[in-house]
Amino acid sequence: MKKIILILSVISVLISSCGKDDNKVKQVRLKTYTHEFYERSPSSVDKYTIEYNSANKISKVLLDTNGTLCQTLTCVYNSSNILDSIVERNAAGIMT
């Protein structure tokens, strides 16, 4: 009797694991998002461009002020997709 119950439980586990629907559409973030921030005076426009990597984590943030690149922030992740460090560079590409 115990063997029959064990066999039926194993079969039910196999059937339930095979019945999963892996074709569901996953929500994916946009790879690039841009936001323009206006100060009180309309002559100054700060534009932030955020890029995402394949794990939907921020990989790079670009800051443009009045159309010129001011700063680049690059996120460095380890093999487990955990944030390791952030590299900040100015417009000339020098690490700050």
N, C-alpha and C. Protein backbone atom coordinates (compact mmCIF):
# COMPACT_ATOMS: atom_id res chain seq x y z
N MET A 1 0.81 -1.19 0.00
CA MET A 1 0.00 0.00 0.00
C MET A 1 0.86 1.27 0.00
N LYS A 2 1.96 1.19 0.77
CA LYS A 2 2.85 2.35 0.84
C LYS A 2 3.53 2.59 -0.51
N LYS A 3 3.85 1.49 -1.21
CA LYS A 3 4.49 1.63 -2.51
C LYS A 3 3.56 2.29 -3.52
N ILE A 4 2.29 1.96 -3.47
CA ILE A 4 1.32 2.54 -4.38
C ILE A 4 1.18 4.04 -4.12
N ILE A 5 1.11 4.42 -2.85
CA ILE A 5 1.01 5.83 -2.50
C ILE A 5 2.26 6.58 -2.94
N LEU A 6 3.42 5.97 -2.76
CA LEU A 6 4.69 6.58 -3.17
C LEU A 6 4.74 6.75 -4.69
N ILE A 7 4.33 5.73 -5.42
CA ILE A 7 4.33 5.80 -6.89
C ILE A 7 3.35 6.86 -7.38
N LEU A 8 2.17 6.93 -6.80
CA LEU A 8 1.18 7.94 -7.18
C LEU A 8 1.67 9.35 -6.86
N SER A 9 2.34 9.53 -5.74
CA SER A 9 2.85 10.86 -5.39
C SER A 9 3.97 11.29 -6.34
N VAL A 10 4.84 10.35 -6.74
CA VAL A 10 5.91 10.67 -7.68
C VAL A 10 5.31 11.03 -9.05
N ILE A 11 4.32 10.29 -9.48
CA ILE A 11 3.68 10.57 -10.76
C ILE A 11 2.99 11.94 -10.73
N SER A 12 2.33 12.26 -9.62
CA SER A 12 1.65 13.55 -9.53
C SER A 12 2.66 14.71 -9.52
N VAL A 13 3.81 14.51 -8.90
CA VAL A 13 4.86 15.55 -8.91
C VAL A 13 5.40 15.73 -10.33
N LEU A 14 5.61 14.65 -11.05
CA LEU A 14 6.10 14.74 -12.42
C LEU A 14 5.10 15.45 -13.32
N ILE A 15 3.83 15.13 -13.16
CA ILE A 15 2.80 15.76 -13.99
C ILE A 15 2.70 17.24 -13.69
N SER A 16 2.76 17.60 -12.42
CA SER A 16 2.64 19.02 -12.07
C SER A 16 3.86 19.81 -12.52
N SER A 17 5.05 19.20 -12.51
CA SER A 17 6.24 19.93 -12.95
C SER A 17 6.26 20.08 -14.47
N CYS A 18 5.70 19.14 -15.20
CA CYS A 18 5.66 19.24 -16.66
C CYS A 18 4.58 20.20 -17.12
N GLY A 19 3.61 20.49 -16.29
CA GLY A 19 2.50 21.33 -16.69
C GLY A 19 2.76 22.82 -16.56
N LYS A 20 3.96 23.23 -16.17
CA LYS A 20 4.24 24.65 -16.02
C LYS A 20 4.29 25.32 -17.38
N ASP A 21 3.79 26.55 -17.42
CA ASP A 21 3.76 27.32 -18.65
C ASP A 21 4.93 28.28 -18.65
N ASP A 22 5.99 27.97 -19.40
CA ASP A 22 7.16 28.82 -19.48
C ASP A 22 7.05 29.84 -20.60
N ASN A 23 5.93 29.89 -21.28
CA ASN A 23 5.76 30.82 -22.39
C ASN A 23 5.11 32.13 -21.95
N LYS A 24 5.08 32.40 -20.65
CA LYS A 24 4.49 33.64 -20.17
C LYS A 24 5.37 34.81 -20.57
N VAL A 25 4.75 35.91 -20.87
CA VAL A 25 5.49 37.11 -21.23
C VAL A 25 5.99 37.78 -19.96
N LYS A 26 7.29 37.97 -19.87
CA LYS A 26 7.87 38.60 -18.70
C LYS A 26 7.94 40.10 -18.93
N GLN A 27 7.76 40.85 -17.86
CA GLN A 27 7.87 42.29 -17.97
C GLN A 27 9.34 42.66 -18.02
N VAL A 28 9.71 43.40 -19.05
CA VAL A 28 11.10 43.79 -19.25
C VAL A 28 11.17 45.30 -19.27
N ARG A 29 12.13 45.83 -18.56
CA ARG A 29 12.33 47.26 -18.55
C ARG A 29 12.90 47.73 -19.86
N LEU A 30 12.64 48.99 -20.18
CA LEU A 30 13.26 49.56 -21.37
C LEU A 30 14.76 49.56 -21.18
N LYS A 31 15.48 49.36 -22.25
CA LYS A 31 16.94 49.35 -22.15
C LYS A 31 17.51 50.74 -21.97
N THR A 32 16.83 51.77 -22.45
CA THR A 32 17.29 53.14 -22.30
C THR A 32 16.11 54.01 -21.91
N TYR A 33 16.30 54.83 -20.91
CA TYR A 33 15.26 55.73 -20.45
C TYR A 33 15.87 57.12 -20.34
N THR A 34 15.21 58.12 -20.87
CA THR A 34 15.72 59.50 -20.85
C THR A 34 14.73 60.40 -20.14
N HIS A 35 15.25 61.23 -19.25
CA HIS A 35 14.42 62.20 -18.54
C HIS A 35 15.08 63.56 -18.62
N GLU A 36 14.34 64.56 -19.05
CA GLU A 36 14.86 65.91 -19.11
C GLU A 36 14.36 66.68 -17.90
N PHE A 37 15.28 67.27 -17.17
CA PHE A 37 14.95 68.02 -15.96
C PHE A 37 15.21 69.50 -16.23
N TYR A 38 14.17 70.29 -16.13
CA TYR A 38 14.28 71.73 -16.37
C TYR A 38 14.41 72.46 -15.04
N GLU A 39 15.37 73.37 -14.98
CA GLU A 39 15.46 74.21 -13.80
C GLU A 39 14.45 75.35 -13.93
N ARG A 40 14.44 76.25 -12.97
CA ARG A 40 13.47 77.35 -13.01
C ARG A 40 13.65 78.21 -14.25
N SER A 41 14.89 78.44 -14.64
CA SER A 41 15.11 79.21 -15.87
C SER A 41 15.11 78.24 -17.04
N PRO A 42 14.36 78.52 -18.10
CA PRO A 42 14.26 77.57 -19.22
C PRO A 42 15.54 77.47 -20.04
N SER A 43 16.56 78.27 -19.71
CA SER A 43 17.78 78.20 -20.50
C SER A 43 18.65 77.01 -20.12
N SER A 44 18.43 76.42 -18.94
CA SER A 44 19.25 75.30 -18.49
C SER A 44 18.43 74.01 -18.52
N VAL A 45 18.92 73.02 -19.23
CA VAL A 45 18.23 71.73 -19.33
C VAL A 45 19.23 70.63 -18.96
N ASP A 46 18.88 69.86 -17.93
CA ASP A 46 19.67 68.70 -17.56
C ASP A 46 18.96 67.46 -18.09
N LYS A 47 19.67 66.62 -18.80
CA LYS A 47 19.07 65.43 -19.41
C LYS A 47 19.80 64.20 -18.87
N TYR A 48 19.06 63.30 -18.25
CA TYR A 48 19.60 62.06 -17.72
C TYR A 48 19.22 60.92 -18.64
N THR A 49 20.18 60.15 -19.08
CA THR A 49 19.92 58.97 -19.89
C THR A 49 20.37 57.75 -19.10
N ILE A 50 19.44 56.84 -18.84
CA ILE A 50 19.73 55.65 -18.04
C ILE A 50 19.69 54.44 -18.95
N GLU A 51 20.76 53.66 -18.97
CA GLU A 51 20.82 52.44 -19.77
C GLU A 51 20.79 51.24 -18.83
N TYR A 52 20.07 50.19 -19.25
CA TYR A 52 19.95 48.97 -18.46
C TYR A 52 20.70 47.83 -19.14
N ASN A 53 21.18 46.88 -18.34
CA ASN A 53 21.84 45.71 -18.89
C ASN A 53 20.83 44.58 -19.10
N SER A 54 21.29 43.42 -19.48
CA SER A 54 20.38 42.31 -19.77
C SER A 54 19.69 41.76 -18.52
N ALA A 55 20.21 42.08 -17.34
CA ALA A 55 19.59 41.63 -16.09
C ALA A 55 18.64 42.68 -15.54
N ASN A 56 18.27 43.68 -16.37
CA ASN A 56 17.37 44.76 -15.99
C ASN A 56 17.88 45.58 -14.82
N LYS A 57 19.19 45.74 -14.74
CA LYS A 57 19.80 46.60 -13.73
C LYS A 57 20.47 47.76 -14.44
N ILE A 58 20.59 48.88 -13.75
CA ILE A 58 21.18 50.06 -14.36
C ILE A 58 22.65 49.79 -14.67
N SER A 59 23.04 50.03 -15.92
CA SER A 59 24.44 49.83 -16.29
C SER A 59 25.17 51.16 -16.46
N LYS A 60 24.46 52.21 -16.91
CA LYS A 60 25.12 53.49 -17.15
C LYS A 60 24.13 54.62 -17.02
N VAL A 61 24.60 55.74 -16.45
CA VAL A 61 23.80 56.96 -16.37
C VAL A 61 24.62 58.08 -16.98
N LEU A 62 24.05 58.75 -17.99
CA LEU A 62 24.71 59.87 -18.65
C LEU A 62 23.99 61.15 -18.27
N LEU A 63 24.76 62.19 -17.92
CA LEU A 63 24.19 63.50 -17.59
C LEU A 63 24.65 64.51 -18.62
N ASP A 64 23.69 65.07 -19.33
CA ASP A 64 23.95 66.14 -20.30
C ASP A 64 23.36 67.43 -19.76
N THR A 65 24.12 68.49 -19.81
CA THR A 65 23.62 69.81 -19.44
C THR A 65 23.71 70.71 -20.65
N ASN A 66 22.56 71.20 -21.08
CA ASN A 66 22.46 72.06 -22.27
C ASN A 66 23.09 71.41 -23.50
N GLY A 67 22.92 70.10 -23.63
CA GLY A 67 23.39 69.40 -24.82
C GLY A 67 24.83 68.95 -24.79
N THR A 68 25.57 69.22 -23.71
CA THR A 68 26.96 68.77 -23.62
C THR A 68 27.08 67.74 -22.50
N LEU A 69 27.86 66.70 -22.76
CA LEU A 69 28.07 65.64 -21.77
C LEU A 69 28.85 66.18 -20.59
N CYS A 70 28.31 65.97 -19.39
CA CYS A 70 28.98 66.46 -18.17
C CYS A 70 29.56 65.33 -17.35
N GLN A 71 28.81 64.23 -17.24
CA GLN A 71 29.21 63.18 -16.32
C GLN A 71 28.69 61.84 -16.80
N THR A 72 29.47 60.78 -16.57
CA THR A 72 29.06 59.42 -16.89
C THR A 72 29.27 58.56 -15.65
N LEU A 73 28.22 57.88 -15.23
CA LEU A 73 28.31 56.94 -14.11
C LEU A 73 28.11 55.54 -14.68
N THR A 74 29.06 54.65 -14.43
CA THR A 74 28.98 53.27 -14.91
C THR A 74 28.91 52.34 -13.71
N CYS A 75 27.91 51.47 -13.68
CA CYS A 75 27.75 50.50 -12.60
C CYS A 75 28.46 49.21 -12.97
N VAL A 76 29.26 48.70 -12.05
CA VAL A 76 30.00 47.46 -12.26
C VAL A 76 29.40 46.40 -11.34
N TYR A 77 28.99 45.28 -11.92
CA TYR A 77 28.37 44.20 -11.15
C TYR A 77 29.31 43.00 -11.10
N ASN A 78 29.20 42.22 -10.01
CA ASN A 78 29.99 41.00 -9.93
C ASN A 78 29.25 39.86 -10.64
N SER A 79 29.76 38.65 -10.55
CA SER A 79 29.18 37.53 -11.29
C SER A 79 27.78 37.16 -10.80
N SER A 80 27.40 37.58 -9.58
CA SER A 80 26.07 37.29 -9.05
C SER A 80 25.09 38.43 -9.30
N ASN A 81 25.44 39.37 -10.17
CA ASN A 81 24.62 40.54 -10.50
C ASN A 81 24.33 41.40 -9.27
N ILE A 82 25.31 41.50 -8.39
CA ILE A 82 25.23 42.39 -7.23
C ILE A 82 26.16 43.56 -7.50
N LEU A 83 25.67 44.77 -7.21
CA LEU A 83 26.45 45.97 -7.49
C LEU A 83 27.77 45.92 -6.74
N ASP A 84 28.86 46.05 -7.49
CA ASP A 84 30.20 46.00 -6.92
C ASP A 84 30.75 47.40 -6.72
N SER A 85 30.64 48.24 -7.74
CA SER A 85 31.16 49.60 -7.65
C SER A 85 30.51 50.48 -8.71
N ILE A 86 30.69 51.77 -8.53
CA ILE A 86 30.21 52.75 -9.50
C ILE A 86 31.40 53.60 -9.92
N VAL A 87 31.64 53.66 -11.23
CA VAL A 87 32.75 54.44 -11.77
C VAL A 87 32.19 55.75 -12.30
N GLU A 88 32.76 56.87 -11.82
CA GLU A 88 32.29 58.19 -12.22
C GLU A 88 33.37 58.84 -13.08
N ARG A 89 32.97 59.33 -14.25
CA ARG A 89 33.90 60.00 -15.15
C ARG A 89 33.33 61.36 -15.54
N ASN A 90 34.23 62.32 -15.73
CA ASN A 90 33.78 63.64 -16.18
C ASN A 90 33.68 63.66 -17.69
N ALA A 91 33.43 64.83 -18.26
CA ALA A 91 33.22 64.95 -19.71
C ALA A 91 34.44 64.53 -20.52
N ALA A 92 35.63 64.72 -19.97
CA ALA A 92 36.85 64.36 -20.67
C ALA A 92 37.17 62.86 -20.56
N GLY A 93 36.40 62.11 -19.77
CA GLY A 93 36.62 60.69 -19.60
C GLY A 93 37.56 60.36 -18.46
N ILE A 94 37.92 61.36 -17.66
CA ILE A 94 38.82 61.14 -16.52
C ILE A 94 38.01 60.71 -15.32
N MET A 95 38.47 59.64 -14.63
CA MET A 95 37.79 59.16 -13.44
C MET A 95 37.85 60.21 -12.34
N THR A 96 36.70 60.47 -11.72
CA THR A 96 36.69 61.46 -10.65
C THR A 96 36.42 60.81 -9.32
